[in-house]
N, C-alpha and C. Protein backbone atom coordinates (compact mmCIF):
# COMPACT_ATOMS: atom_id res chain seq x y z
N MET A 1 -27.65 -11.71 -25.39
CA MET A 1 -27.87 -12.19 -24.13
C MET A 1 -27.29 -10.95 -23.04
N SER A 2 -28.10 -10.33 -22.34
CA SER A 2 -27.80 -9.31 -21.73
C SER A 2 -27.74 -9.52 -20.23
N VAL A 3 -26.58 -8.78 -19.49
CA VAL A 3 -26.61 -9.20 -18.04
C VAL A 3 -27.22 -7.62 -17.22
N VAL A 4 -28.11 -8.01 -16.41
CA VAL A 4 -28.63 -7.07 -15.45
C VAL A 4 -27.44 -6.96 -14.09
N THR A 5 -27.17 -5.94 -13.68
CA THR A 5 -26.44 -5.63 -12.51
C THR A 5 -27.50 -4.69 -11.48
N ARG A 6 -27.11 -5.16 -10.29
CA ARG A 6 -28.04 -4.40 -9.62
C ARG A 6 -26.83 -3.56 -8.50
N PRO A 7 -27.07 -2.31 -8.29
CA PRO A 7 -26.49 -1.56 -7.55
C PRO A 7 -26.00 -2.28 -6.12
N VAL A 8 -24.87 -1.93 -5.80
CA VAL A 8 -24.54 -2.42 -4.33
C VAL A 8 -25.09 -1.55 -3.23
N THR A 9 -25.60 -2.25 -2.36
CA THR A 9 -26.33 -1.70 -1.26
C THR A 9 -25.36 -1.55 -0.02
N ALA A 10 -25.86 -0.60 1.17
CA ALA A 10 -24.92 -0.11 2.24
C ALA A 10 -24.78 -1.45 2.78
N GLU A 11 -25.63 -2.41 2.93
CA GLU A 11 -25.70 -3.69 3.84
C GLU A 11 -24.57 -4.64 2.99
N ASP A 12 -24.63 -4.68 1.55
CA ASP A 12 -23.65 -5.53 1.13
C ASP A 12 -22.07 -5.06 1.25
N LEU A 13 -21.97 -3.59 1.37
CA LEU A 13 -20.75 -3.03 1.82
C LEU A 13 -20.27 -3.58 3.14
N GLU A 14 -21.25 -3.50 4.03
CA GLU A 14 -20.91 -4.14 5.54
C GLU A 14 -20.44 -5.19 5.51
N LYS A 15 -20.72 -6.26 4.44
CA LYS A 15 -20.36 -7.62 4.24
C LYS A 15 -19.10 -7.89 3.73
N MET A 16 -18.55 -6.81 3.32
CA MET A 16 -17.25 -7.08 2.24
C MET A 16 -16.29 -7.16 3.50
N PRO A 17 -15.19 -7.61 3.08
CA PRO A 17 -13.99 -7.73 4.18
C PRO A 17 -13.59 -6.33 4.10
N ASN A 18 -12.47 -6.31 5.25
CA ASN A 18 -12.18 -4.75 5.25
C ASN A 18 -10.49 -4.57 4.94
N ASN A 19 -10.19 -5.28 3.88
CA ASN A 19 -8.95 -5.39 3.34
C ASN A 19 -8.68 -4.34 2.29
N GLN A 20 -9.77 -3.52 2.02
CA GLN A 20 -9.66 -2.34 1.21
C GLN A 20 -10.65 -1.25 1.69
N ARG A 21 -10.15 0.28 1.59
CA ARG A 21 -11.06 1.46 1.70
C ARG A 21 -12.11 1.54 0.57
N ARG A 22 -12.99 1.45 0.90
CA ARG A 22 -14.49 1.46 0.06
C ARG A 22 -15.33 2.57 0.46
N GLU A 23 -15.86 3.31 -0.59
CA GLU A 23 -17.28 3.98 -0.56
C GLU A 23 -18.10 3.72 -1.46
N LEU A 24 -19.46 4.05 -1.38
CA LEU A 24 -20.64 3.56 -1.92
C LEU A 24 -21.29 4.88 -2.35
N VAL A 25 -21.25 5.06 -3.57
CA VAL A 25 -21.82 6.45 -4.38
C VAL A 25 -22.98 5.97 -5.25
N LYS A 26 -24.29 6.39 -4.69
CA LYS A 26 -25.39 6.02 -5.36
C LYS A 26 -25.33 4.36 -6.13
N GLY A 27 -25.03 3.67 -5.09
CA GLY A 27 -24.93 2.33 -5.80
C GLY A 27 -23.57 1.65 -6.33
N GLU A 28 -22.56 2.57 -6.58
CA GLU A 28 -21.46 1.97 -7.36
C GLU A 28 -20.27 1.97 -6.29
N LEU A 29 -19.67 0.88 -5.95
CA LEU A 29 -18.54 0.83 -5.35
C LEU A 29 -17.17 1.56 -6.01
N ARG A 30 -16.76 2.00 -4.72
CA ARG A 30 -15.16 2.79 -5.20
C ARG A 30 -14.40 2.61 -4.45
N VAL A 31 -13.46 1.88 -5.08
CA VAL A 31 -12.20 1.36 -4.06
C VAL A 31 -11.29 2.65 -4.07
N MET A 32 -10.36 2.87 -2.92
CA MET A 32 -9.87 3.94 -2.53
C MET A 32 -8.27 3.39 -2.30
N ALA A 33 -7.14 4.10 -2.79
CA ALA A 33 -5.97 3.96 -2.52
C ALA A 33 -5.56 4.36 -1.00
N PRO A 34 -4.56 3.48 -0.38
CA PRO A 34 -4.14 4.07 0.90
C PRO A 34 -3.64 5.56 0.67
N SER A 35 -4.20 6.21 1.96
CA SER A 35 -3.36 7.74 1.72
C SER A 35 -1.69 7.73 2.28
N GLY A 36 -1.40 9.02 1.84
CA GLY A 36 0.18 9.25 2.39
C GLY A 36 0.51 9.46 3.22
N PHE A 37 1.84 9.72 3.74
CA PHE A 37 2.14 9.77 5.11
C PHE A 37 1.70 11.08 5.42
N ASP A 38 2.14 12.14 4.76
CA ASP A 38 1.75 13.71 5.20
C ASP A 38 0.20 13.91 5.51
N HIS A 39 -0.60 13.27 4.52
CA HIS A 39 -1.91 12.89 4.49
C HIS A 39 -2.44 12.69 6.25
N GLY A 40 -1.91 11.29 6.51
CA GLY A 40 -2.13 10.77 7.76
C GLY A 40 -1.53 11.62 8.87
N ALA A 41 -0.29 12.38 8.84
CA ALA A 41 0.05 13.37 9.62
C ALA A 41 -1.00 14.50 9.99
N ILE A 42 -1.77 15.17 8.73
CA ILE A 42 -2.54 16.37 8.80
C ILE A 42 -3.87 15.82 9.56
N ILE A 43 -4.46 14.56 9.17
CA ILE A 43 -5.49 14.20 9.80
C ILE A 43 -5.18 14.24 11.51
N ASP A 44 -4.28 13.47 11.59
CA ASP A 44 -3.65 12.95 13.03
C ASP A 44 -3.73 14.46 13.75
N ASN A 45 -3.15 15.61 13.23
CA ASN A 45 -3.04 16.97 13.90
C ASN A 45 -4.62 17.41 14.34
N LEU A 46 -4.96 17.54 13.47
CA LEU A 46 -6.53 18.02 13.29
C LEU A 46 -7.39 17.10 14.18
N GLN A 47 -7.39 15.82 14.07
CA GLN A 47 -8.02 14.93 14.90
C GLN A 47 -7.79 15.17 16.57
N PHE A 48 -6.57 15.24 16.66
CA PHE A 48 -6.05 15.25 18.15
C PHE A 48 -6.54 16.35 18.56
N LEU A 49 -6.41 17.72 17.97
CA LEU A 49 -7.04 19.05 18.40
C LEU A 49 -8.67 18.91 18.54
N LEU A 50 -9.45 18.53 17.75
CA LEU A 50 -10.88 18.13 17.85
C LEU A 50 -10.97 17.13 18.68
N SER A 51 -10.66 16.21 18.83
CA SER A 51 -11.02 15.22 20.07
C SER A 51 -10.66 15.74 21.25
N ARG A 52 -9.62 16.41 21.56
CA ARG A 52 -9.31 16.70 22.98
C ARG A 52 -10.44 17.85 23.39
N TYR A 53 -10.88 18.75 22.45
CA TYR A 53 -11.89 19.90 23.05
C TYR A 53 -13.00 19.02 23.16
N VAL A 54 -13.56 18.25 22.12
CA VAL A 54 -15.07 17.47 22.12
C VAL A 54 -15.05 16.79 23.52
N ARG A 55 -13.97 16.03 23.99
CA ARG A 55 -13.68 15.21 25.24
C ARG A 55 -14.04 16.61 26.32
N GLU A 56 -13.28 16.99 26.39
CA GLU A 56 -13.42 18.18 27.45
C GLU A 56 -14.57 18.79 27.72
N GLN A 57 -15.16 19.10 26.62
CA GLN A 57 -16.47 19.76 26.39
C GLN A 57 -17.73 19.10 26.60
N LYS A 58 -17.60 17.44 26.44
CA LYS A 58 -18.63 16.60 26.53
C LYS A 58 -19.62 16.98 25.19
N LEU A 59 -19.16 17.18 24.34
CA LEU A 59 -19.66 17.74 23.01
C LEU A 59 -20.36 16.54 22.19
N GLY A 60 -19.60 15.08 22.18
CA GLY A 60 -19.99 14.39 21.51
C GLY A 60 -18.94 13.36 21.11
N LEU A 61 -18.75 12.72 19.52
CA LEU A 61 -18.15 11.85 19.61
C LEU A 61 -17.28 12.22 18.34
N VAL A 62 -15.95 12.33 18.47
CA VAL A 62 -15.14 12.32 17.20
C VAL A 62 -14.67 11.03 16.77
N LEU A 63 -14.99 10.94 15.25
CA LEU A 63 -14.79 9.49 14.83
C LEU A 63 -13.46 9.38 13.71
N GLY A 64 -12.71 8.28 13.88
CA GLY A 64 -11.75 8.18 12.86
C GLY A 64 -11.78 7.82 11.60
N ALA A 65 -10.78 7.95 10.72
CA ALA A 65 -10.90 8.23 9.27
C ALA A 65 -11.51 6.65 8.80
N GLU A 66 -12.76 6.95 7.83
CA GLU A 66 -13.45 6.26 6.99
C GLU A 66 -14.40 5.36 7.84
N THR A 67 -14.95 5.92 9.13
CA THR A 67 -15.98 5.91 9.61
C THR A 67 -17.39 5.80 8.35
N GLY A 68 -18.17 4.84 8.44
CA GLY A 68 -19.52 4.93 7.23
C GLY A 68 -20.26 5.80 7.81
N PHE A 69 -20.79 6.61 6.93
CA PHE A 69 -22.16 7.21 6.95
C PHE A 69 -23.01 7.00 5.92
N LYS A 70 -24.11 6.24 5.99
CA LYS A 70 -25.26 6.11 5.11
C LYS A 70 -25.90 7.62 4.84
N LEU A 71 -25.77 8.05 3.83
CA LEU A 71 -26.33 9.67 3.38
C LEU A 71 -27.31 9.39 2.54
N ALA A 72 -27.64 8.40 1.75
CA ALA A 72 -28.67 8.19 1.08
C ALA A 72 -29.28 7.08 0.86
N SER A 73 -30.34 6.51 0.37
CA SER A 73 -30.60 5.21 0.17
C SER A 73 -31.38 5.30 -1.42
N ASN A 74 -31.48 4.07 -1.83
CA ASN A 74 -32.11 3.47 -2.97
C ASN A 74 -31.67 4.49 -4.27
N PRO A 75 -30.78 4.47 -4.67
CA PRO A 75 -29.28 4.05 -4.55
C PRO A 75 -28.74 4.27 -3.26
N ASP A 76 -27.98 3.37 -2.52
CA ASP A 76 -27.48 3.91 -1.47
C ASP A 76 -26.04 4.56 -1.57
N THR A 77 -25.91 5.84 -0.52
CA THR A 77 -24.55 6.22 -0.68
C THR A 77 -24.01 6.02 0.70
N VAL A 78 -22.59 5.45 0.73
CA VAL A 78 -22.22 5.45 2.09
C VAL A 78 -20.67 6.03 2.07
N ARG A 79 -20.43 7.27 2.60
CA ARG A 79 -19.18 7.88 2.50
C ARG A 79 -18.35 7.67 4.02
N GLY A 80 -16.90 8.06 3.72
CA GLY A 80 -16.16 7.67 5.00
C GLY A 80 -15.55 9.22 5.15
N ALA A 81 -15.78 9.88 6.18
CA ALA A 81 -14.69 10.99 6.04
C ALA A 81 -13.35 10.75 6.63
N ASP A 82 -12.69 11.79 6.58
CA ASP A 82 -11.16 11.47 7.32
C ASP A 82 -11.44 11.71 8.64
N ILE A 83 -12.33 12.77 8.99
CA ILE A 83 -12.49 13.15 10.70
C ILE A 83 -14.03 13.36 10.39
N SER A 84 -14.72 12.95 11.51
CA SER A 84 -16.31 13.30 11.85
C SER A 84 -16.38 13.56 13.15
N PHE A 85 -17.49 14.55 13.19
CA PHE A 85 -18.02 14.78 14.59
C PHE A 85 -19.38 14.43 14.76
N VAL A 86 -19.97 13.71 15.60
CA VAL A 86 -21.20 13.60 15.87
C VAL A 86 -21.76 14.05 17.15
N GLN A 87 -22.72 15.03 17.32
CA GLN A 87 -22.85 15.71 18.77
C GLN A 87 -23.80 14.87 19.52
N ALA A 88 -23.29 14.59 20.94
CA ALA A 88 -24.00 14.03 21.84
C ALA A 88 -25.18 13.62 21.88
N SER A 89 -26.27 14.54 21.65
CA SER A 89 -27.30 14.42 21.61
C SER A 89 -28.15 13.48 20.60
N SER A 90 -27.50 13.45 19.68
CA SER A 90 -27.54 12.13 18.33
C SER A 90 -27.41 10.91 18.64
N VAL A 91 -26.59 10.61 19.78
CA VAL A 91 -26.00 9.09 20.01
C VAL A 91 -27.36 8.42 20.69
N PRO A 92 -27.70 7.51 20.12
CA PRO A 92 -28.78 6.62 20.87
C PRO A 92 -28.27 6.42 22.29
N SER A 93 -29.61 6.41 23.24
CA SER A 93 -29.42 6.10 24.59
C SER A 93 -28.81 4.79 24.99
N THR A 94 -29.08 3.89 23.76
CA THR A 94 -28.94 2.65 23.72
C THR A 94 -27.40 1.93 23.54
N GLY A 95 -26.88 3.06 23.19
CA GLY A 95 -24.98 3.02 22.53
C GLY A 95 -24.99 3.38 21.20
N ARG A 96 -23.54 3.24 21.00
CA ARG A 96 -23.27 3.60 19.44
C ARG A 96 -23.48 2.20 18.73
N PRO A 97 -24.28 2.74 17.47
CA PRO A 97 -24.37 1.79 16.66
C PRO A 97 -23.33 0.98 16.18
N LYS A 98 -23.33 -0.49 16.04
CA LYS A 98 -22.22 -1.26 15.20
C LYS A 98 -21.90 -1.14 13.86
N GLY A 99 -22.85 -0.89 13.01
CA GLY A 99 -22.64 -0.78 11.64
C GLY A 99 -22.33 0.93 11.24
N PHE A 100 -22.69 0.91 10.07
CA PHE A 100 -22.43 2.24 9.31
C PHE A 100 -23.87 3.28 10.34
N TRP A 101 -23.38 4.58 10.57
CA TRP A 101 -24.19 5.52 10.92
C TRP A 101 -25.31 5.69 9.77
N ASN A 102 -26.34 5.84 10.43
CA ASN A 102 -27.50 6.17 9.56
C ASN A 102 -27.94 7.55 9.51
N GLY A 103 -27.07 8.13 8.47
CA GLY A 103 -27.58 9.74 8.14
C GLY A 103 -25.93 10.30 8.41
N ALA A 104 -25.98 11.59 8.31
CA ALA A 104 -24.94 12.43 8.00
C ALA A 104 -23.97 12.88 9.34
N PRO A 105 -22.96 13.01 9.89
CA PRO A 105 -22.37 13.37 10.77
C PRO A 105 -22.57 15.09 10.85
N ASP A 106 -22.30 15.55 11.92
CA ASP A 106 -22.47 17.06 12.15
C ASP A 106 -21.82 17.75 11.37
N LEU A 107 -20.16 17.06 11.69
CA LEU A 107 -19.12 17.93 10.95
C LEU A 107 -18.55 16.79 10.18
N ALA A 108 -18.36 16.82 8.94
CA ALA A 108 -17.23 16.04 8.07
C ALA A 108 -15.80 16.82 7.72
N VAL A 109 -14.98 15.91 7.89
CA VAL A 109 -13.52 16.53 7.45
C VAL A 109 -12.90 15.62 6.28
N GLU A 110 -12.29 16.52 5.36
CA GLU A 110 -11.85 15.57 4.55
C GLU A 110 -10.52 16.49 3.78
N VAL A 111 -9.26 15.41 3.98
CA VAL A 111 -7.83 16.05 3.83
C VAL A 111 -7.76 15.67 2.16
N LEU A 112 -7.41 16.43 1.47
CA LEU A 112 -7.30 16.30 -0.46
C LEU A 112 -5.80 15.56 -0.35
N SER A 113 -6.04 14.48 -0.68
CA SER A 113 -4.85 13.72 -1.32
C SER A 113 -3.99 14.44 -2.55
N PRO A 114 -3.06 13.86 -2.84
CA PRO A 114 -2.32 14.54 -4.05
C PRO A 114 -3.24 14.48 -5.37
N GLY A 115 -3.76 13.21 -5.20
CA GLY A 115 -4.20 12.59 -6.42
C GLY A 115 -6.04 13.09 -6.63
N ASP A 116 -6.52 13.50 -5.84
CA ASP A 116 -7.97 13.95 -5.61
C ASP A 116 -8.07 15.38 -6.64
N THR A 117 -9.26 15.09 -7.26
CA THR A 117 -9.59 15.91 -8.06
C THR A 117 -10.54 17.03 -7.43
N ILE A 118 -10.75 18.21 -8.15
CA ILE A 118 -11.88 19.26 -7.78
C ILE A 118 -13.30 18.76 -7.82
N ASN A 119 -13.67 17.84 -8.92
CA ASN A 119 -14.67 17.31 -8.92
C ASN A 119 -14.92 16.04 -7.76
N GLU A 120 -13.93 15.38 -7.41
CA GLU A 120 -14.25 14.54 -6.58
C GLU A 120 -14.53 15.09 -5.15
N ALA A 121 -13.70 16.09 -4.78
CA ALA A 121 -14.21 16.90 -3.57
C ALA A 121 -15.40 17.41 -3.61
N GLU A 122 -15.77 17.92 -4.49
CA GLU A 122 -16.98 18.81 -4.53
C GLU A 122 -18.21 17.69 -4.36
N GLU A 123 -17.90 16.52 -5.24
CA GLU A 123 -18.72 15.32 -5.26
C GLU A 123 -19.01 15.09 -3.50
N LYS A 124 -18.12 14.81 -2.77
CA LYS A 124 -18.09 14.28 -1.42
C LYS A 124 -18.74 15.54 -0.62
N VAL A 125 -18.32 16.72 -0.70
CA VAL A 125 -19.06 17.76 -0.15
C VAL A 125 -20.28 17.67 -0.45
N ASP A 126 -20.90 17.72 -1.71
CA ASP A 126 -22.33 17.71 -1.91
C ASP A 126 -23.19 16.53 -1.37
N ASP A 127 -22.67 15.21 -1.40
CA ASP A 127 -23.10 14.03 -0.74
C ASP A 127 -23.30 14.42 0.83
N TYR A 128 -22.38 14.96 1.57
CA TYR A 128 -22.45 15.15 2.99
C TYR A 128 -23.71 16.30 3.19
N LEU A 129 -23.87 17.23 2.33
CA LEU A 129 -24.53 18.36 2.81
C LEU A 129 -25.94 18.13 2.51
N HIS A 130 -26.22 17.49 1.32
CA HIS A 130 -27.28 16.76 1.26
C HIS A 130 -27.93 15.88 2.10
N GLY A 131 -26.81 14.87 2.59
CA GLY A 131 -27.31 13.88 3.60
C GLY A 131 -27.69 14.44 4.89
N GLY A 132 -27.40 15.72 4.97
CA GLY A 132 -27.90 16.70 6.30
C GLY A 132 -26.69 17.12 7.20
N CYS A 133 -25.64 17.24 6.76
CA CYS A 133 -24.23 17.55 7.48
C CYS A 133 -24.46 19.00 7.61
N ARG A 134 -24.06 19.33 9.01
CA ARG A 134 -24.36 20.85 8.97
C ARG A 134 -23.12 21.67 8.53
N MET A 135 -21.90 20.85 8.63
CA MET A 135 -20.44 21.70 8.10
C MET A 135 -19.78 20.58 7.72
N VAL A 136 -18.91 21.08 6.47
CA VAL A 136 -17.65 20.20 6.11
C VAL A 136 -16.48 20.89 5.89
N TRP A 137 -15.51 20.61 6.39
CA TRP A 137 -14.40 21.29 6.12
C TRP A 137 -13.57 20.45 4.74
N VAL A 138 -12.82 21.04 4.13
CA VAL A 138 -11.88 20.60 3.29
C VAL A 138 -10.65 20.79 3.51
N VAL A 139 -9.63 20.46 3.74
CA VAL A 139 -8.22 20.61 4.17
C VAL A 139 -7.58 20.48 3.27
N ASN A 140 -6.71 21.52 2.45
CA ASN A 140 -5.92 21.48 1.32
C ASN A 140 -4.33 21.70 1.75
N PRO A 141 -3.66 20.79 1.72
CA PRO A 141 -2.34 20.58 2.36
C PRO A 141 -1.50 21.46 1.31
N ARG A 142 -1.72 21.26 0.09
CA ARG A 142 -0.98 21.81 -0.86
C ARG A 142 -0.95 23.64 -0.72
N ARG A 143 -2.06 24.32 -0.31
CA ARG A 143 -2.40 25.54 -0.29
C ARG A 143 -2.34 25.89 1.20
N ARG A 144 -2.43 24.81 2.13
CA ARG A 144 -2.56 25.15 3.53
C ARG A 144 -3.72 25.87 3.92
N THR A 145 -4.54 25.55 3.26
CA THR A 145 -6.07 26.17 3.61
C THR A 145 -7.05 25.07 4.12
N VAL A 146 -8.48 25.77 4.79
CA VAL A 146 -9.36 24.80 5.00
C VAL A 146 -10.36 25.56 4.54
N THR A 147 -11.35 24.94 3.60
CA THR A 147 -12.41 25.57 3.11
C THR A 147 -13.76 25.26 3.76
N ILE A 148 -14.60 25.90 4.36
CA ILE A 148 -15.80 25.50 5.24
C ILE A 148 -17.00 25.69 4.43
N TYR A 149 -17.63 24.67 4.24
CA TYR A 149 -18.93 24.41 3.57
C TYR A 149 -20.12 24.34 4.57
N ARG A 150 -21.07 25.07 4.16
CA ARG A 150 -22.48 24.94 5.27
C ARG A 150 -23.55 25.17 4.26
N PRO A 151 -24.64 24.15 4.45
CA PRO A 151 -25.64 24.38 4.07
C PRO A 151 -26.13 25.81 3.41
N SER A 152 -26.60 25.97 2.18
CA SER A 152 -27.09 27.33 1.86
C SER A 152 -26.14 28.46 2.17
N ALA A 153 -24.88 28.30 2.19
CA ALA A 153 -23.93 29.52 2.43
C ALA A 153 -22.84 29.41 1.46
N ALA A 154 -22.47 30.58 0.69
CA ALA A 154 -21.09 30.61 0.23
C ALA A 154 -19.95 29.98 1.26
N PRO A 155 -18.99 29.04 0.37
CA PRO A 155 -17.73 28.56 1.05
C PRO A 155 -16.94 29.91 1.47
N ALA A 156 -16.17 29.47 2.58
CA ALA A 156 -15.75 30.70 3.36
C ALA A 156 -14.10 29.53 3.41
N ILE A 157 -12.87 30.52 3.11
CA ILE A 157 -11.66 30.06 3.04
C ILE A 157 -10.75 30.29 4.31
N VAL A 158 -10.24 29.70 5.12
CA VAL A 158 -9.16 29.91 6.17
C VAL A 158 -7.82 29.53 5.87
N GLY A 159 -7.10 30.88 6.01
CA GLY A 159 -5.46 30.51 5.79
C GLY A 159 -4.77 30.22 6.83
N ASP A 160 -3.45 29.95 6.33
CA ASP A 160 -2.36 29.34 7.17
C ASP A 160 -2.41 30.57 8.35
N THR A 161 -2.64 31.79 8.24
CA THR A 161 -2.36 32.68 9.49
C THR A 161 -3.70 32.92 10.41
N GLN A 162 -4.71 32.41 9.85
CA GLN A 162 -6.05 32.38 10.40
C GLN A 162 -6.52 31.33 11.26
N GLU A 163 -7.77 31.25 11.93
CA GLU A 163 -7.95 30.70 13.10
C GLU A 163 -9.17 29.86 12.18
N LEU A 164 -9.49 28.28 12.16
CA LEU A 164 -10.34 27.72 12.04
C LEU A 164 -11.23 27.49 13.34
N ASP A 165 -12.66 27.76 13.04
CA ASP A 165 -13.68 27.92 13.85
C ASP A 165 -15.06 26.78 13.99
N GLY A 166 -15.04 26.30 15.04
CA GLY A 166 -16.21 25.18 15.35
C GLY A 166 -17.65 25.61 14.87
N GLN A 167 -17.61 26.92 15.03
CA GLN A 167 -19.09 27.90 14.77
C GLN A 167 -20.24 27.14 16.02
N ASP A 168 -21.32 27.05 15.26
CA ASP A 168 -22.55 26.52 16.32
C ASP A 168 -22.34 24.67 16.03
N VAL A 169 -21.49 24.07 15.28
CA VAL A 169 -21.10 22.77 15.16
C VAL A 169 -20.40 22.26 16.34
N VAL A 170 -19.43 22.99 16.43
CA VAL A 170 -18.57 22.56 17.71
C VAL A 170 -18.40 23.39 18.26
N PRO A 171 -19.32 24.04 18.88
CA PRO A 171 -19.05 25.36 19.91
C PRO A 171 -17.91 25.78 20.61
N GLY A 172 -17.29 26.69 20.16
CA GLY A 172 -15.89 27.26 21.00
C GLY A 172 -14.86 26.61 20.64
N PHE A 173 -14.88 25.70 19.70
CA PHE A 173 -13.59 24.92 19.12
C PHE A 173 -13.02 26.21 18.29
N ARG A 174 -11.83 26.17 18.38
CA ARG A 174 -10.94 27.16 17.60
C ARG A 174 -9.25 26.02 17.54
N CYS A 175 -8.75 26.70 16.46
CA CYS A 175 -7.26 26.09 16.35
C CYS A 175 -6.71 27.00 15.33
N ARG A 176 -5.34 27.41 15.35
CA ARG A 176 -4.76 27.98 14.04
C ARG A 176 -4.60 27.00 13.31
N ASP A 177 -4.57 27.86 11.94
CA ASP A 177 -4.91 26.77 10.70
C ASP A 177 -3.52 26.21 10.52
N SER A 178 -2.26 27.17 11.11
CA SER A 178 -1.05 26.55 11.00
C SER A 178 -0.52 25.10 11.80
N GLU A 179 -1.74 24.87 13.02
CA GLU A 179 -1.65 23.97 14.00
C GLU A 179 -1.40 22.76 13.03
N ILE A 180 -2.69 22.43 12.12
CA ILE A 180 -3.21 21.54 11.10
C ILE A 180 -2.16 21.00 10.76
N PHE A 181 -1.09 22.33 9.99
CA PHE A 181 0.16 21.51 8.65
C PHE A 181 1.21 21.37 9.75
N ALA A 182 1.24 21.60 11.07
CA ALA A 182 2.56 21.44 11.77
C ALA A 182 3.41 20.14 11.67
């Protein structure tokens, strides 16, 4: 006797209890461990800087950790970045969606945890970019760098003494890389 299993859908994921961090990758449910203290502090530093600027400039919404973005369908992929940004013109006039955002954020930020592999990070970047994300920042606490990924462009690395620039995705946003790791 064979057992037939079907992929998990974004709708299934939304109905699950919120007692675990989960992502959905091509219909496969992935349970994620809680992040460490330093990881959380780095997220808070960058999210504070980005949120303050975006609110002052009225550019859109900066969203907290693990906000779900449905990046692909059949099979479904739902990712939750550590920080994300959606430009104001993309937010429906009827208000913010209650469930997962259908599509990619304009900016997704992933902060590497000590246990993250290069393959896992690259898979997330690929999912975001193929889902329509305009820019992905991968923050590496160990190296104190941010790698910037854009569609159809080579990755660029910003070091500890350089500035991170929002380019055309978050126009005018700049912060010293060292502020992220303070």
